[in-house]
């Protein structure tokens, strides 16, 4: 169901600007992190310092996760029994017409 939000047009325009800035900043952050990570790996280090003060770390760890598709294929009854269904609301900023 669609309803007019004309009174909030300025907020929607602001959201569009913010999302563009976030995308640019996210890209820039990833690029900077990649350079720092590569430098640490090249030095065989897990902690990087500036003026002797630790400022970044890049370390590995093990993570245990459940392979849902494997559980569903091998134990479909257990997967159904352990499934949780909940309502999810998603906010999307749609392309301007």
C-alpha atoms as a PDB file:
ATOM      1  CA  UNK A   1       0.000   0.000   0.000  1.00  0.00           C
ATOM      2  CA  UNK A   2       1.507   3.330  -1.061  1.00  0.00           C
ATOM      3  CA  UNK A   3       0.999   6.580   0.831  1.00  0.00           C
ATOM      4  CA  UNK A   4       2.391  10.053   0.102  1.00  0.00           C
ATOM      5  CA  UNK A   5       5.436  11.192   2.078  1.00  0.00           C
ATOM      6  CA  UNK A   6       5.685  14.636   0.495  1.00  0.00           C
ATOM      7  CA  UNK A   7       6.209  16.201   3.930  1.00  0.00           C
ATOM      8  CA  UNK A   8       9.344  14.089   4.297  1.00  0.00           C
ATOM      9  CA  UNK A   9      10.853  14.706   0.850  1.00  0.00           C
ATOM     10  CA  UNK A  10      13.793  16.565   2.425  1.00  0.00           C
ATOM     11  CA  UNK A  11      14.603  13.553   4.640  1.00  0.00           C
ATOM     12  CA  UNK A  12      14.421  11.181   1.692  1.00  0.00           C
ATOM     13  CA  UNK A  13      16.760  13.419  -0.314  1.00  0.00           C
ATOM     14  CA  UNK A  14      19.100  13.520   2.671  1.00  0.00           C
ATOM     15  CA  UNK A  15      18.997   9.713   2.938  1.00  0.00           C
ATOM     16  CA  UNK A  16      20.000   9.457  -0.726  1.00  0.00           C
ATOM     17  CA  UNK A  17      23.001  11.746  -0.141  1.00  0.00           C
ATOM     18  CA  UNK A  18      23.997   9.817   2.991  1.00  0.00           C
ATOM     19  CA  UNK A  19      23.826   6.458   1.182  1.00  0.00           C
ATOM     20  CA  UNK A  20      26.093   7.785  -1.592  1.00  0.00           C
ATOM     21  CA  UNK A  21      28.584   9.079   0.991  1.00  0.00           C
ATOM     22  CA  UNK A  22      28.456   5.774   2.852  1.00  0.00           C
ATOM     23  CA  UNK A  23      29.175   3.843  -0.339  1.00  0.00           C
ATOM     24  CA  UNK A  24      32.167   6.055  -1.155  1.00  0.00           C
ATOM     25  CA  UNK A  25      33.490   5.865   2.408  1.00  0.00           C
ATOM     26  CA  UNK A  26      33.009   2.096   2.547  1.00  0.00           C
ATOM     27  CA  UNK A  27      34.983   1.689  -0.677  1.00  0.00           C
ATOM     28  CA  UNK A  28      37.732   3.980   0.625  1.00  0.00           C
ATOM     29  CA  UNK A  29      37.844   2.111   3.966  1.00  0.00           C
ATOM     30  CA  UNK A  30      38.188  -1.247   2.215  1.00  0.00           C
ATOM     31  CA  UNK A  31      40.973   0.071   0.003  1.00  0.00           C
ATOM     32  CA  UNK A  32      42.889   1.486   2.988  1.00  0.00           C
ATOM     33  CA  UNK A  33      42.408  -1.708   4.990  1.00  0.00           C
ATOM     34  CA  UNK A  34      43.674  -3.805   2.060  1.00  0.00           C
ATOM     35  CA  UNK A  35      46.905  -1.779   1.912  1.00  0.00           C
ATOM     36  CA  UNK A  36      47.483  -2.059   5.682  1.00  0.00           C
ATOM     37  CA  UNK A  37      46.654  -5.786   5.723  1.00  0.00           C
ATOM     38  CA  UNK A  38      49.036  -6.425   2.841  1.00  0.00           C
ATOM     39  CA  UNK A  39      51.795  -4.513   4.658  1.00  0.00           C
ATOM     40  CA  UNK A  40      51.266  -6.543   7.835  1.00  0.00           C
ATOM     41  CA  UNK A  41      51.243  -9.836   5.926  1.00  0.00           C
ATOM     42  CA  UNK A  42      54.377  -8.840   4.004  1.00  0.00           C
ATOM     43  CA  UNK A  43      56.143  -8.174   7.316  1.00  0.00           C
ATOM     44  CA  UNK A  44      54.780 -11.334   8.920  1.00  0.00           C
ATOM     45  CA  UNK A  45      53.150  -9.230  11.616  1.00  0.00           C
ATOM     46  CA  UNK A  46      49.716  -9.316  13.216  1.00  0.00           C
ATOM     47  CA  UNK A  47      49.978  -5.933  14.945  1.00  0.00           C
ATOM     48  CA  UNK A  48      50.996  -2.652  13.380  1.00  0.00           C
ATOM     49  CA  UNK A  49      52.320   0.305  15.329  1.00  0.00           C
ATOM     50  CA  UNK A  50      52.697   4.037  14.780  1.00  0.00           C
ATOM     51  CA  UNK A  51      55.394   5.719  16.887  1.00  0.00           C
ATOM     52  CA  UNK A  52      55.653   2.474  18.851  1.00  0.00           C
ATOM     53  CA  UNK A  53      51.951   2.457  19.766  1.00  0.00           C
ATOM     54  CA  UNK A  54      49.823  -0.463  18.531  1.00  0.00           C
ATOM     55  CA  UNK A  55      47.178   0.940  16.167  1.00  0.00           C
ATOM     56  CA  UNK A  56      45.917  -2.024  14.107  1.00  0.00           C
ATOM     57  CA  UNK A  57      45.768  -5.782  14.311  1.00  0.00           C
ATOM     58  CA  UNK A  58      45.116  -8.369  11.638  1.00  0.00           C
ATOM     59  CA  UNK A  59      44.910 -11.838  13.069  1.00  0.00           C
ATOM     60  CA  UNK A  60      43.238 -15.090  12.124  1.00  0.00           C
ATOM     61  CA  UNK A  61      40.886 -17.112  14.265  1.00  0.00           C
ATOM     62  CA  UNK A  62      38.741 -20.180  13.833  1.00  0.00           C
ATOM     63  CA  UNK A  63      34.997 -19.886  13.546  1.00  0.00           C
ATOM     64  CA  UNK A  64      32.567 -22.733  13.909  1.00  0.00           C
ATOM     65  CA  UNK A  65      29.375 -22.396  11.937  1.00  0.00           C
ATOM     66  CA  UNK A  66      26.463 -24.642  11.150  1.00  0.00           C
ATOM     67  CA  UNK A  67      26.028 -25.604   7.509  1.00  0.00           C
ATOM     68  CA  UNK A  68      22.266 -25.251   7.247  1.00  0.00           C
ATOM     69  CA  UNK A  69      22.021 -26.858   3.811  1.00  0.00           C
ATOM     70  CA  UNK A  70      23.887 -29.922   5.081  1.00  0.00           C
ATOM     71  CA  UNK A  71      21.608 -30.221   8.115  1.00  0.00           C
ATOM     72  CA  UNK A  72      18.537 -29.845   5.887  1.00  0.00           C
ATOM     73  CA  UNK A  73      19.750 -32.528   3.501  1.00  0.00           C
ATOM     74  CA  UNK A  74      20.887 -35.043   6.137  1.00  0.00           C
ATOM     75  CA  UNK A  75      18.359 -34.349   8.898  1.00  0.00           C
ATOM     76  CA  UNK A  76      15.316 -32.663   7.331  1.00  0.00           C
ATOM     77  CA  UNK A  77      13.084 -33.419  10.336  1.00  0.00           C
ATOM     78  CA  UNK A  78      15.546 -31.808  12.747  1.00  0.00           C
ATOM     79  CA  UNK A  79      15.913 -28.796  10.450  1.00  0.00           C
ATOM     80  CA  UNK A  80      12.123 -28.322  10.326  1.00  0.00           C
ATOM     81  CA  UNK A  81      11.818 -28.836  14.072  1.00  0.00           C
ATOM     82  CA  UNK A  82      14.518 -26.262  14.783  1.00  0.00           C
ATOM     83  CA  UNK A  83      13.319 -23.704  12.253  1.00  0.00           C
ATOM     84  CA  UNK A  84      12.176 -20.368  13.570  1.00  0.00           C
ATOM     85  CA  UNK A  85       9.860 -18.245  11.480  1.00  0.00           C
ATOM     86  CA  UNK A  86       9.588 -14.564  12.258  1.00  0.00           C
ATOM     87  CA  UNK A  87       8.362 -11.468  10.529  1.00  0.00           C
ATOM     88  CA  UNK A  88      11.080  -9.202   9.159  1.00  0.00           C
ATOM     89  CA  UNK A  89      10.590  -5.600   8.064  1.00  0.00           C
ATOM     90  CA  UNK A  90      12.997  -4.243   5.455  1.00  0.00           C
ATOM     91  CA  UNK A  91      13.468  -0.543   4.697  1.00  0.00           C
ATOM     92  CA  UNK A  92      14.643   0.204   1.163  1.00  0.00           C
ATOM     93  CA  UNK A  93      15.374   3.534  -0.390  1.00  0.00           C
ATOM     94  CA  UNK A  94      13.943   3.076  -3.882  1.00  0.00           C
ATOM     95  CA  UNK A  95      15.436   4.609  -7.025  1.00  0.00           C
ATOM     96  CA  UNK A  96      14.009   7.990  -7.862  1.00  0.00           C
ATOM     97  CA  UNK A  97      11.616   8.011 -10.791  1.00  0.00           C
END
